[in-house]
Amino acid sequence: MSNIVVKAAVVQAAPVVFDTLRTVEKLRDLTRDAAAQGAALVVFPEAFVGGYPKGLDFGARLGLRSEAGREDFRRYFEGAITLPGPESDIIAESARANGVHLVTGVIERDGSTLYCTAATYSPEGLLLGKHRKVMPTALERLVWGVGDGSTLSTVDTAIGRIGNVICWENYMPLLRMAMYAQGVELYCAPTVDDRETWLPTMRTIALEGRCFVLSACQYLTRADCPADYSAIQGEHPSTVLIRGGSCIIDPLGNVLVAPSFEGEAIQCAELDRRLIPRGKYDLDVVGHYARPDIFKLVVDTSARKAVVFTDAPPEDQE
């Protein structure tokens, strides 16, 4: 087992909403700061690059959309990035310059559809993989497309097998099982869920999968957003829109980094990977504790294209 003890960091911070260049510059600086603390793995929150526009409704009512809402979406669309692409190159260089594995949430643009994505980069600056959120929650469905099983995967690295599960995907039992079946060791859960219930959820997953769980949540205030950002929570610059709560849990459910709700922070912990087999001694949900004679999980990992274009004639055409 290479890199038996790994230092990891969860970054609790906010993007500069609707300003992607300044956001990736902030990511670069925060990555440098985390590496200076010895982190070999740095995890950023959900939608860090591109933003999570909490409090906006994009002018949507059943059967109605407003012009102001369309303008909000245009700004959001233009702040999204492509993978690969120029902003992704800056993120990759941040990983390479600091010699870290880096996981970050991004709003990914593919054609004219946006996806909530988690991207993983190597210390060499390579994009190792991306995961698109398979089920946006509530109003998220208005601005994000749905991912498919082709990005539901883990990547093997020198510090352990890394997998990404975004926000409320963590409440999907079969999705979690798919990650466990791939041997996930460093289960990254970028999120914007800042409720008290998030920590017990993360502890349950760590215990269930006998893996380390690293959850990074944004700390977003009204001051991080532009002047014409009409959040329902209020207009005062000090208004907290997302209050943090990042955490790191070990495979036996012990809290290595407790949630903080006090502001932006880089929080680190040492992960002793020997705890993984120690935990699986008495619980391996995809091994000796499974019942394959009773239960079966089938995962469709094929890519699902919205439109498949072909110029071939129909089979029944003479």
Protein backbone atom coordinates (compact mmCIF):
# COMPACT_ATOMS: atom_id res chain seq x y z
CA MET A 1 0.00 0.00 0.00
CA SER A 2 1.74 3.19 -1.19
CA ASN A 3 1.30 6.45 0.73
CA ILE A 4 -0.03 4.76 3.85
CA VAL A 5 -0.67 8.04 5.67
CA VAL A 6 -2.08 10.85 3.53
CA LYS A 7 -2.77 14.41 4.56
CA ALA A 8 -5.96 15.79 3.05
CA ALA A 9 -7.63 19.18 3.09
CA VAL A 10 -11.24 20.27 2.66
CA VAL A 11 -11.54 23.86 1.48
CA GLN A 12 -14.51 25.78 2.86
CA ALA A 13 -14.77 28.86 0.69
CA ALA A 14 -16.90 30.74 -1.81
CA PRO A 15 -16.43 31.49 -5.47
CA VAL A 16 -16.78 34.97 -6.85
CA VAL A 17 -20.27 34.48 -8.24
CA PHE A 18 -20.58 35.16 -12.00
CA ASP A 19 -16.80 35.83 -12.23
CA THR A 20 -15.14 32.59 -13.24
CA LEU A 21 -11.66 34.00 -13.86
CA ARG A 22 -11.43 35.47 -10.36
CA THR A 23 -12.82 32.21 -8.96
CA VAL A 24 -10.16 30.00 -10.58
CA GLU A 25 -7.52 32.47 -9.39
CA LYS A 26 -8.91 32.07 -5.86
CA LEU A 27 -8.84 28.28 -6.30
CA ARG A 28 -5.19 28.52 -7.33
CA ASP A 29 -4.33 30.53 -4.20
CA LEU A 30 -6.28 28.23 -1.87
CA THR A 31 -4.65 25.16 -3.40
CA ARG A 32 -1.24 26.69 -2.75
CA ASP A 33 -2.22 27.40 0.86
CA ALA A 34 -3.48 23.84 1.39
CA ALA A 35 -0.30 22.37 -0.11
CA ALA A 36 1.76 24.58 2.21
CA GLN A 37 0.02 22.80 5.10
CA GLY A 38 1.19 19.45 3.68
CA ALA A 39 -1.99 18.36 1.92
CA ALA A 40 -1.61 15.73 -0.80
CA LEU A 41 -5.35 15.80 -1.58
CA VAL A 42 -7.33 19.05 -1.75
CA VAL A 43 -11.13 18.94 -2.03
CA PHE A 44 -13.22 21.98 -3.00
CA PRO A 45 -17.02 22.32 -2.68
CA GLU A 46 -19.80 21.57 -5.11
CA ALA A 47 -20.13 24.12 -7.93
CA PHE A 48 -17.09 26.07 -6.71
CA VAL A 49 -16.10 27.07 -10.24
CA GLY A 50 -19.21 28.51 -11.88
CA GLY A 51 -21.05 28.99 -8.63
CA TYR A 52 -24.10 27.76 -6.76
CA PRO A 53 -26.55 30.67 -7.06
CA LYS A 54 -28.37 30.01 -3.82
CA GLY A 55 -31.47 32.13 -3.33
CA LEU A 56 -32.14 32.79 -7.03
CA ASP A 57 -35.26 31.41 -8.69
CA PHE A 58 -34.32 32.28 -12.30
CA GLY A 59 -37.76 33.81 -12.73
CA ALA A 60 -39.52 30.47 -12.88
CA ARG A 61 -43.17 29.76 -12.13
CA LEU A 62 -45.20 26.89 -13.49
CA GLY A 63 -45.92 27.85 -17.09
CA LEU A 64 -44.00 31.15 -16.81
CA ARG A 65 -40.43 32.44 -17.09
CA SER A 66 -39.38 36.06 -16.61
CA GLU A 67 -36.97 38.13 -18.68
CA ALA A 68 -34.91 38.85 -15.56
CA GLY A 69 -34.65 35.11 -14.93
CA ARG A 70 -33.47 34.49 -18.47
CA GLU A 71 -30.79 37.13 -17.95
CA ASP A 72 -29.67 35.44 -14.72
CA PHE A 73 -29.34 32.17 -16.62
CA ARG A 74 -27.36 33.84 -19.40
CA ARG A 75 -24.81 35.09 -16.87
CA TYR A 76 -24.71 31.69 -15.22
CA PHE A 77 -24.28 29.96 -18.59
CA GLU A 78 -21.41 32.23 -19.56
CA GLY A 79 -19.65 31.50 -16.26
CA ALA A 80 -19.67 27.75 -16.85
CA ILE A 81 -16.54 26.01 -18.14
CA THR A 82 -15.68 23.22 -20.56
CA LEU A 83 -13.64 20.14 -19.67
CA PRO A 84 -11.02 20.42 -20.96
CA GLY A 85 -10.82 24.16 -21.60
CA PRO A 86 -8.92 27.30 -20.63
CA GLU A 87 -10.29 27.51 -17.09
CA SER A 88 -9.76 23.79 -16.62
CA ASP A 89 -6.14 24.32 -17.67
CA ILE A 90 -5.69 26.81 -14.82
CA ILE A 91 -7.12 24.29 -12.35
CA ALA A 92 -4.84 21.59 -13.76
CA GLU A 93 -1.84 23.87 -13.43
CA SER A 94 -2.80 24.58 -9.82
CA ALA A 95 -2.66 20.85 -9.10
CA ARG A 96 0.63 20.44 -10.97
CA ALA A 97 2.37 23.47 -9.47
CA ASN A 98 1.57 22.28 -5.96
CA GLY A 99 1.98 18.54 -6.54
CA VAL A 100 -1.47 17.66 -5.18
CA HIS A 101 -4.46 15.59 -6.15
CA LEU A 102 -7.28 18.09 -6.56
CA VAL A 103 -11.04 17.56 -6.58
CA THR A 104 -13.32 20.47 -7.32
CA GLY A 105 -16.92 21.11 -8.18
CA VAL A 106 -17.47 22.94 -11.46
CA ILE A 107 -20.42 23.99 -13.55
CA GLU A 108 -19.63 22.29 -16.83
CA ARG A 109 -21.00 23.48 -20.16
CA ASP A 110 -21.51 20.89 -22.89
CA GLY A 111 -23.12 22.41 -25.94
CA SER A 112 -25.99 24.46 -24.51
CA THR A 113 -26.57 22.33 -21.40
CA LEU A 114 -24.99 22.83 -17.98
CA TYR A 115 -23.97 20.04 -15.63
CA CYS A 116 -22.99 20.05 -11.98
CA THR A 117 -19.70 18.19 -12.18
CA ALA A 118 -16.86 17.12 -9.89
CA ALA A 119 -13.45 16.99 -11.59
CA THR A 120 -10.37 15.15 -10.34
CA TYR A 121 -6.83 16.24 -11.27
CA SER A 122 -3.51 14.50 -10.70
CA PRO A 123 -0.32 16.04 -9.26
CA GLU A 124 0.93 16.08 -12.86
CA GLY A 125 -1.97 18.30 -13.87
CA LEU A 126 -3.91 15.62 -15.73
CA LEU A 127 -7.71 15.50 -15.67
CA LEU A 128 -8.14 11.99 -14.28
CA GLY A 129 -11.90 11.96 -14.48
CA LYS A 130 -15.14 13.83 -14.03
CA HIS A 131 -18.48 12.93 -12.53
CA ARG A 132 -21.69 14.63 -13.55
CA LYS A 133 -24.41 14.77 -10.94
CA VAL A 134 -26.99 12.18 -11.93
CA MET A 135 -29.98 13.82 -10.24
CA PRO A 136 -30.20 17.56 -9.59
CA THR A 137 -32.42 18.41 -6.64
CA ALA A 138 -35.59 20.52 -6.83
CA LEU A 139 -35.02 23.82 -8.71
CA GLU A 140 -31.50 22.67 -9.71
CA ARG A 141 -33.28 20.66 -12.41
CA LEU A 142 -34.21 23.90 -14.15
CA VAL A 143 -30.59 24.97 -14.72
CA TRP A 144 -28.66 21.65 -14.81
CA GLY A 145 -28.94 18.58 -16.99
CA VAL A 146 -28.73 15.06 -15.57
CA GLY A 147 -25.60 12.97 -15.79
CA ASP A 148 -25.45 9.30 -16.74
CA GLY A 149 -23.70 6.17 -15.50
CA SER A 150 -20.65 6.67 -17.70
CA THR A 151 -19.14 9.13 -15.20
CA LEU A 152 -20.04 7.13 -12.10
CA SER A 153 -16.52 5.88 -11.54
CA THR A 154 -13.45 5.98 -9.32
CA VAL A 155 -9.81 6.65 -10.19
CA ASP A 156 -6.85 4.73 -8.80
CA THR A 157 -4.03 6.95 -7.52
CA ALA A 158 -0.89 6.66 -5.41
CA ILE A 159 -2.79 7.96 -2.39
CA GLY A 160 -5.82 5.68 -2.80
CA ARG A 161 -8.86 5.15 -4.96
CA ILE A 162 -10.76 8.46 -5.29
CA GLY A 163 -14.47 8.74 -6.03
CA ASN A 164 -16.80 11.73 -6.15
CA VAL A 165 -20.46 11.85 -5.10
CA ILE A 166 -22.11 15.26 -5.19
CA CYS A 167 -24.43 16.66 -2.50
CA TRP A 168 -27.77 14.84 -2.37
CA GLU A 169 -26.52 12.02 -4.58
CA ASN A 170 -25.25 10.81 -1.21
CA TYR A 171 -28.85 10.01 -0.31
CA MET A 172 -29.12 7.55 -3.22
CA PRO A 173 -28.36 4.11 -1.68
CA LEU A 174 -27.72 2.35 -4.99
CA LEU A 175 -25.32 5.06 -6.13
CA ARG A 176 -23.36 4.69 -2.90
CA MET A 177 -23.25 0.94 -3.41
CA ALA A 178 -21.90 1.45 -6.92
CA MET A 179 -19.03 3.46 -5.42
CA TYR A 180 -18.33 0.85 -2.75
CA ALA A 181 -18.29 -1.86 -5.44
CA GLN A 182 -15.46 0.01 -7.17
CA GLY A 183 -13.37 -0.03 -4.02
CA VAL A 184 -13.58 3.67 -3.20
CA GLU A 185 -11.17 4.62 -0.40
CA LEU A 186 -11.26 8.42 -0.52
CA TYR A 187 -14.94 9.20 -0.92
CA CYS A 188 -15.21 12.90 -1.82
CA ALA A 189 -18.57 14.54 -1.22
CA PRO A 190 -18.52 18.15 -2.44
CA THR A 191 -21.73 19.81 -1.33
CA VAL A 192 -23.67 22.95 -0.48
CA ASP A 193 -25.79 21.21 2.16
CA ASP A 194 -25.06 23.15 5.34
CA ARG A 195 -27.68 21.57 7.59
CA GLU A 196 -27.06 19.85 10.92
CA THR A 197 -28.14 16.56 9.32
CA TRP A 198 -25.18 16.51 6.91
CA LEU A 199 -22.55 15.34 9.41
CA PRO A 200 -24.49 12.22 10.51
CA THR A 201 -25.04 11.40 6.83
CA MET A 202 -21.29 11.57 6.17
CA ARG A 203 -20.55 9.44 9.25
CA THR A 204 -23.06 6.83 8.07
CA ILE A 205 -21.41 6.64 4.64
CA ALA A 206 -17.94 6.29 6.15
CA LEU A 207 -19.15 3.47 8.39
CA GLU A 208 -21.16 1.81 5.63
CA GLY A 209 -18.41 1.91 3.01
CA ARG A 210 -15.47 1.61 5.41
CA CYS A 211 -13.85 4.53 3.59
CA PHE A 212 -12.63 8.02 4.36
CA VAL A 213 -15.28 10.64 3.58
CA LEU A 214 -14.19 14.18 2.72
CA SER A 215 -16.98 16.72 2.37
CA ALA A 216 -16.24 20.32 1.37
CA CYS A 217 -19.03 22.87 1.59
CA GLN A 218 -19.11 26.48 0.44
CA TYR A 219 -19.18 29.44 2.80
CA LEU A 220 -21.01 32.03 0.72
CA THR A 221 -22.15 35.50 1.74
CA ARG A 222 -24.11 38.13 -0.15
CA ALA A 223 -20.85 40.08 -0.51
CA ASP A 224 -19.47 37.27 -2.74
CA CYS A 225 -22.22 38.01 -5.29
CA PRO A 226 -22.70 40.94 -7.68
CA ALA A 227 -24.78 44.00 -6.74
CA ASP A 228 -27.74 42.92 -8.88
CA TYR A 229 -27.95 39.45 -7.32
CA SER A 230 -31.54 39.22 -6.07
CA ALA A 231 -31.26 36.49 -3.45
CA ILE A 232 -34.38 35.85 -1.42
CA GLN A 233 -32.33 35.82 1.80
CA GLY A 234 -31.68 39.57 1.67
CA GLU A 235 -29.38 42.27 0.34
CA HIS A 236 -27.05 43.03 3.24
CA PRO A 237 -23.43 42.09 2.36
CA SER A 238 -23.00 40.13 5.60
CA THR A 239 -26.00 37.86 4.92
CA VAL A 240 -24.81 34.25 4.92
CA LEU A 241 -26.24 32.27 1.99
CA ILE A 242 -24.30 29.01 2.57
CA ARG A 243 -22.77 28.58 6.03
CA GLY A 244 -20.18 25.82 5.55
CA GLY A 245 -19.97 22.62 7.59
CA SER A 246 -17.09 20.84 5.85
CA CYS A 247 -15.88 17.63 7.51
CA ILE A 248 -13.59 14.61 7.25
CA ILE A 249 -14.61 11.20 8.65
CA ASP A 250 -12.55 8.02 9.03
CA PRO A 251 -13.70 4.48 8.07
CA LEU A 252 -14.93 3.77 11.60
CA GLY A 253 -17.09 6.88 11.67
CA ASN A 254 -14.77 9.02 13.78
CA VAL A 255 -14.83 12.75 13.02
CA LEU A 256 -11.33 13.89 12.05
CA VAL A 257 -12.44 17.38 10.98
CA ALA A 258 -15.55 18.69 12.68
CA PRO A 259 -17.90 21.08 10.86
CA SER A 260 -17.22 24.78 11.30
CA PHE A 261 -19.79 27.46 10.52
CA GLU A 262 -17.60 30.46 11.28
CA GLY A 263 -16.34 31.40 7.82
CA GLU A 264 -13.86 30.37 5.15
CA ALA A 265 -11.22 27.85 6.20
CA ILE A 266 -8.82 25.16 5.03
CA GLN A 267 -9.17 22.16 7.35
CA CYS A 268 -6.70 19.27 7.25
CA ALA A 269 -6.45 15.76 8.63
CA GLU A 270 -4.08 12.83 8.34
CA LEU A 271 -5.70 9.76 6.82
CA ASP A 272 -4.17 6.45 7.89
CA ARG A 273 -5.21 4.09 5.10
CA ARG A 274 -4.56 1.07 7.35
CA LEU A 275 -7.90 1.92 8.96
CA ILE A 276 -9.67 0.74 5.80
CA PRO A 277 -8.81 -2.99 6.11
CA ARG A 278 -9.24 -2.72 9.88
CA GLY A 279 -12.78 -1.54 9.27
CA LYS A 280 -13.52 -4.16 6.65
CA TYR A 281 -12.51 -6.87 9.12
CA ASP A 282 -16.10 -7.03 10.30
CA LEU A 283 -18.04 -5.18 7.58
CA ASP A 284 -17.50 -5.29 3.82
CA VAL A 285 -20.82 -4.51 2.16
CA VAL A 286 -19.57 -5.63 -1.26
CA GLY A 287 -17.70 -8.66 0.10
CA HIS A 288 -18.22 -10.96 3.07
CA TYR A 289 -21.14 -8.90 4.40
CA ALA A 290 -23.01 -8.98 1.07
CA ARG A 291 -25.70 -11.46 0.10
CA PRO A 292 -25.33 -11.87 -3.69
CA ASP A 293 -27.74 -14.80 -3.54
CA ILE A 294 -30.44 -12.31 -2.55
CA PHE A 295 -29.37 -8.90 -3.87
CA LYS A 296 -28.00 -7.75 -7.20
CA LEU A 297 -26.94 -4.27 -8.37
CA VAL A 298 -26.94 -3.50 -12.09
CA VAL A 299 -25.37 -0.23 -13.23
CA ASP A 300 -25.66 1.07 -16.79
CA THR A 301 -22.29 2.73 -17.43
CA SER A 302 -22.96 3.63 -21.04
CA ALA A 303 -22.96 7.27 -22.14
CA ARG A 304 -26.43 8.54 -22.98
CA LYS A 305 -26.55 11.02 -25.84
CA ALA A 306 -29.64 13.19 -26.11
CA VAL A 307 -29.51 12.94 -29.90
CA VAL A 308 -27.75 10.30 -31.95
CA PHE A 309 -27.31 11.56 -35.50
CA THR A 310 -26.92 9.20 -38.41
CA ASP A 311 -27.26 9.75 -42.13
CA ALA A 312 -27.94 6.05 -42.75
CA PRO A 313 -31.32 5.29 -44.36
CA PRO A 314 -33.99 3.54 -42.26
CA GLU A 315 -33.60 -0.25 -42.33
CA ASP A 316 -37.00 -0.75 -43.91
CA GLN A 317 -36.37 1.72 -46.69
CA GLU A 318 -35.92 0.08 -50.09
